[in-house]
Amino acid sequence: MKKLGLVGGTGPESTLVYYREINRLMNMRTNGKAFPEISIESVNLYRALGYVSDERYEELSRYLLDAINNLVNGGAEVVALTAGTMHVVYDELKDKVHVPFISIPDAVSEEAVLHNYNKVGLLGTIFTMRNDFFKKAFSEKGIDIVTPSDEDMLLVNERISKELEYGIVKDSTREELIGIIARMKEQQGIEAVILGCTELPLLLSANNCPVDCLDIMDIHINKLVRLMTD
């Protein structure tokens, strides 16, 4: 079983889910005989988001690479970022990381191909929705990515940054997001929606979405578990 290194803290709530779920799944895969070795390098969310909002990508890349190197130097054999937004510098980082470095967009686009989706919606931070770094993996596979209206994008971003990042889960926010997805289905013809922020599954799931959900955290976690046991 390979040791896993996670760059966490972006945000703390999703980092907790990664840790809990990877432990649970690995214990199941070993018939209750083992838990995995996991190292977490928890970075400062506000510092990382500051680099993103100011488009200081070289500084963000250095900051995350330092965290990754700490994990690798501590024995991690597989590493990953635990937030979709931080993948804005994934391409700059991947050639400098000398162990398997597992991308969220790549893992989710592979899952979309398995389901034969042609058009999917994307929810996430305003940065993720407005930029191309997350969409690129899908467009390369011939899958169209669409985003909500500007007004709805601002609402989604506000609910993520002011509620979900702090573990605040409101039924009213869930209904707002379900309404946005329903409009995307009706007006834009989406077949599924990407929960493109690792906090969104705190509110949304296959049980309440009006279309299929591509839960980036669940997909990413399952890919990591498979690689750790290969």
Protein backbone atom coordinates (compact mmCIF):
# COMPACT_ATOMS: atom_id res chain seq x y z
CA MET A 1 0.00 0.00 0.00
CA LYS A 2 1.48 3.33 -1.10
CA LYS A 3 1.72 6.27 1.28
CA LEU A 4 -0.49 9.21 0.28
CA GLY A 5 0.34 12.89 0.61
CA LEU A 6 -2.44 15.49 0.49
CA VAL A 7 -2.09 19.25 0.20
CA GLY A 8 -4.99 20.24 2.44
CA GLY A 9 -6.48 23.30 4.08
CA THR A 10 -8.08 24.63 0.89
CA GLY A 11 -10.54 24.35 2.61
CA PRO A 12 -10.42 22.58 5.92
CA GLU A 13 -13.89 21.00 5.64
CA SER A 14 -13.08 19.11 2.45
CA THR A 15 -9.69 18.06 3.85
CA LEU A 16 -11.53 16.33 6.69
CA VAL A 17 -13.69 14.44 4.18
CA TYR A 18 -10.64 13.31 2.20
CA TYR A 19 -9.02 11.96 5.36
CA ARG A 20 -12.14 10.23 6.65
CA GLU A 21 -13.24 8.71 3.35
CA ILE A 22 -9.81 7.45 2.28
CA ASN A 23 -9.42 5.74 5.64
CA ARG A 24 -12.88 4.21 5.38
CA LEU A 25 -12.44 2.96 1.82
CA MET A 26 -8.97 1.57 2.39
CA ASN A 27 -10.16 -0.26 5.49
CA MET A 28 -13.00 -1.78 3.45
CA ARG A 29 -10.64 -2.82 0.64
CA THR A 30 -8.44 -4.65 3.14
CA ASN A 31 -11.42 -6.37 4.82
CA GLY A 32 -10.86 -4.39 7.99
CA LYS A 33 -7.20 -5.30 8.30
CA ALA A 34 -5.45 -1.98 7.61
CA PHE A 35 -5.65 1.79 7.48
CA PRO A 36 -3.53 3.79 5.04
CA GLU A 37 -0.49 5.93 5.77
CA ILE A 38 -1.47 9.53 4.97
CA SER A 39 0.43 12.78 5.37
CA ILE A 40 -1.41 16.11 5.14
CA GLU A 41 0.39 19.39 4.50
CA SER A 42 -2.22 21.96 5.47
CA VAL A 43 -1.65 25.31 3.77
CA ASN A 44 -3.16 28.70 4.60
CA LEU A 45 -6.43 28.98 2.66
CA TYR A 46 -6.39 32.78 2.72
CA ARG A 47 -2.83 33.00 1.46
CA ALA A 48 -3.58 30.56 -1.37
CA LEU A 49 -6.80 32.32 -2.37
CA GLY A 50 -5.02 35.67 -2.20
CA TYR A 51 -2.54 34.45 -4.79
CA VAL A 52 -5.44 33.25 -6.95
CA SER A 53 -7.49 36.45 -6.73
CA ASP A 54 -4.42 38.60 -7.50
CA GLU A 55 -3.35 36.23 -10.32
CA ARG A 56 0.03 35.74 -8.63
CA TYR A 57 0.34 32.28 -10.08
CA GLU A 58 4.10 31.94 -9.80
CA GLU A 59 3.86 32.56 -6.06
CA LEU A 60 0.96 30.13 -5.75
CA SER A 61 2.94 27.51 -7.66
CA ARG A 62 5.96 27.95 -5.37
CA TYR A 63 3.76 27.81 -2.28
CA LEU A 64 2.05 24.58 -3.33
CA LEU A 65 5.27 23.02 -4.61
CA ASP A 66 6.89 23.59 -1.21
CA ALA A 67 3.95 21.75 0.37
CA ILE A 68 4.21 18.89 -2.14
CA ASN A 69 7.96 18.58 -1.62
CA ASN A 70 7.42 18.36 2.14
CA LEU A 71 5.04 15.46 1.54
CA VAL A 72 7.39 13.66 -0.85
CA ASN A 73 10.34 14.18 1.49
CA GLY A 74 8.20 12.62 4.21
CA GLY A 75 7.75 9.46 2.15
CA ALA A 76 4.57 10.14 0.14
CA GLU A 77 4.44 7.96 -2.99
CA VAL A 78 1.22 9.47 -4.41
CA VAL A 79 0.28 13.16 -3.97
CA ALA A 80 -2.75 15.31 -4.70
CA LEU A 81 -4.24 18.75 -4.21
CA THR A 82 -7.58 18.68 -2.38
CA ALA A 83 -9.23 21.70 -4.05
CA GLY A 84 -10.36 22.29 -7.60
CA THR A 85 -9.35 25.96 -7.65
CA MET A 86 -5.72 25.17 -6.81
CA HIS A 87 -5.48 23.25 -10.10
CA VAL A 88 -5.04 26.58 -11.86
CA VAL A 89 -1.30 25.88 -11.51
CA TYR A 90 -1.43 22.08 -11.91
CA ASP A 91 0.23 22.16 -15.33
CA GLU A 92 3.08 24.27 -13.94
CA LEU A 93 3.54 21.87 -11.02
CA LYS A 94 3.21 18.44 -12.65
CA ASP A 95 6.62 18.38 -14.35
CA LYS A 96 8.28 19.27 -11.03
CA VAL A 97 6.62 16.48 -9.07
CA HIS A 98 8.41 13.16 -9.39
CA VAL A 99 5.76 10.86 -7.93
CA PRO A 100 2.23 10.24 -9.28
CA PHE A 101 0.40 13.59 -8.95
CA ILE A 102 -3.32 13.02 -9.43
CA SER A 103 -5.37 15.78 -11.06
CA ILE A 104 -8.99 16.41 -10.11
CA PRO A 105 -10.06 17.66 -13.59
CA ASP A 106 -8.43 14.65 -15.28
CA ALA A 107 -10.11 12.19 -12.93
CA VAL A 108 -13.54 13.81 -13.33
CA SER A 109 -13.31 14.10 -17.13
CA GLU A 110 -12.42 10.39 -17.32
CA GLU A 111 -15.58 9.64 -15.33
CA ALA A 112 -17.67 11.83 -17.67
CA VAL A 113 -16.36 9.87 -20.67
CA LEU A 114 -17.40 6.60 -19.00
CA HIS A 115 -20.97 7.95 -18.79
CA ASN A 116 -20.97 9.19 -22.40
CA TYR A 117 -21.93 12.73 -21.41
CA ASN A 118 -21.83 15.32 -24.18
CA LYS A 119 -22.70 18.48 -22.21
CA VAL A 120 -22.19 19.04 -18.50
CA GLY A 121 -22.60 22.02 -16.20
CA LEU A 122 -19.89 23.33 -13.92
CA LEU A 123 -20.41 24.82 -10.46
CA GLY A 124 -17.54 26.00 -8.27
CA THR A 125 -15.79 29.13 -7.16
CA ILE A 126 -16.18 32.12 -9.46
CA PHE A 127 -12.58 31.60 -10.52
CA THR A 128 -13.17 27.98 -11.50
CA MET A 129 -16.35 28.79 -13.40
CA ARG A 130 -14.94 31.75 -15.34
CA ASN A 131 -11.56 30.30 -16.27
CA ASP A 132 -10.52 27.43 -18.52
CA PHE A 133 -8.11 25.41 -16.37
CA PHE A 134 -10.81 23.01 -15.14
CA LYS A 135 -12.67 22.89 -18.47
CA LYS A 136 -9.60 21.99 -20.53
CA ALA A 137 -9.59 18.29 -19.60
CA PHE A 138 -13.22 18.01 -20.78
CA SER A 139 -12.87 19.95 -24.03
CA GLU A 140 -9.91 17.71 -24.95
CA LYS A 141 -12.31 14.76 -24.69
CA GLY A 142 -15.04 16.44 -26.76
CA ILE A 143 -17.31 17.27 -23.83
CA ASP A 144 -18.99 20.70 -23.73
CA ILE A 145 -18.82 22.55 -20.41
CA VAL A 146 -21.36 25.26 -19.58
CA THR A 147 -21.67 27.55 -16.58
CA PRO A 148 -24.62 29.38 -14.97
CA SER A 149 -25.62 32.97 -15.65
CA ASP A 150 -23.40 35.71 -14.20
CA GLU A 151 -25.93 36.34 -11.45
CA ASP A 152 -26.08 32.67 -10.51
CA MET A 153 -22.28 32.34 -10.62
CA LEU A 154 -21.98 35.16 -8.09
CA LEU A 155 -24.52 33.48 -5.81
CA VAL A 156 -22.75 30.11 -5.98
CA ASN A 157 -19.40 31.74 -5.22
CA GLU A 158 -20.81 33.67 -2.26
CA ARG A 159 -22.38 30.58 -0.74
CA ILE A 160 -19.09 28.68 -1.08
CA SER A 161 -16.89 31.44 0.33
CA LYS A 162 -19.16 32.63 3.15
CA GLU A 163 -20.83 29.38 4.20
CA LEU A 164 -19.42 26.09 2.94
CA GLU A 165 -15.75 26.96 3.52
CA TYR A 166 -16.72 27.31 7.19
CA GLY A 167 -18.81 24.15 7.34
CA ILE A 168 -22.10 26.10 7.36
CA VAL A 169 -24.77 24.00 5.64
CA LYS A 170 -28.19 25.61 5.07
CA ASP A 171 -31.31 24.08 3.56
CA SER A 172 -32.07 27.44 1.93
CA THR A 173 -28.71 27.39 0.13
CA ARG A 174 -29.30 23.82 -1.01
CA GLU A 175 -32.59 24.87 -2.59
CA GLU A 176 -30.92 27.84 -4.30
CA LEU A 177 -28.28 25.61 -5.86
CA ILE A 178 -30.80 22.97 -6.93
CA GLY A 179 -32.76 25.77 -8.63
CA ILE A 180 -29.65 26.91 -10.52
CA ILE A 181 -28.97 23.36 -11.73
CA ALA A 182 -32.60 22.95 -12.80
CA ARG A 183 -32.37 26.15 -14.88
CA MET A 184 -29.16 24.89 -16.50
CA LYS A 185 -30.91 21.64 -17.40
CA GLU A 186 -33.92 23.43 -18.88
CA GLN A 187 -32.13 26.30 -20.63
CA GLN A 188 -28.76 24.81 -21.55
CA GLY A 189 -29.51 21.12 -21.85
CA ILE A 190 -26.94 19.78 -19.39
CA GLU A 191 -26.92 16.03 -18.78
CA ALA A 192 -24.93 16.22 -15.55
CA VAL A 193 -23.36 18.80 -13.27
CA ILE A 194 -19.79 18.93 -11.98
CA LEU A 195 -19.63 19.80 -8.30
CA GLY A 196 -16.41 21.67 -9.02
CA CYS A 197 -15.63 22.77 -5.49
CA THR A 198 -14.84 20.14 -2.91
CA GLU A 199 -17.25 21.77 -0.45
CA LEU A 200 -20.32 21.54 -2.71
CA PRO A 201 -21.00 17.86 -1.81
CA LEU A 202 -21.78 19.10 1.69
CA LEU A 203 -25.06 20.26 0.12
CA LEU A 204 -25.56 18.44 -3.16
CA SER A 205 -25.66 14.77 -4.12
CA ALA A 206 -27.26 12.32 -6.53
CA ASN A 207 -30.19 12.20 -4.10
CA ASN A 208 -31.22 15.81 -4.59
CA CYS A 209 -29.82 17.05 -7.92
CA PRO A 210 -32.15 17.33 -10.95
CA VAL A 211 -29.37 15.85 -13.13
CA ASP A 212 -26.54 13.39 -12.53
CA CYS A 213 -23.80 14.68 -10.23
CA LEU A 214 -20.08 14.44 -10.86
CA ASP A 215 -18.81 14.80 -7.31
CA ILE A 216 -15.18 15.78 -7.81
CA MET A 217 -14.19 14.83 -4.28
CA ASP A 218 -15.74 11.36 -4.45
CA ILE A 219 -14.27 10.66 -7.89
CA HIS A 220 -10.84 11.94 -6.88
CA ILE A 221 -10.82 10.00 -3.62
CA ASN A 222 -11.74 6.75 -5.36
CA LYS A 223 -8.99 7.20 -7.94
CA LEU A 224 -6.45 7.88 -5.17
CA VAL A 225 -7.52 4.75 -3.31
CA ARG A 226 -7.12 2.62 -6.45
CA LEU A 227 -3.64 4.00 -7.10
CA MET A 228 -2.56 3.47 -3.50
CA THR A 229 -3.39 -0.22 -3.75
CA ASP A 230 -2.13 -0.92 -7.27
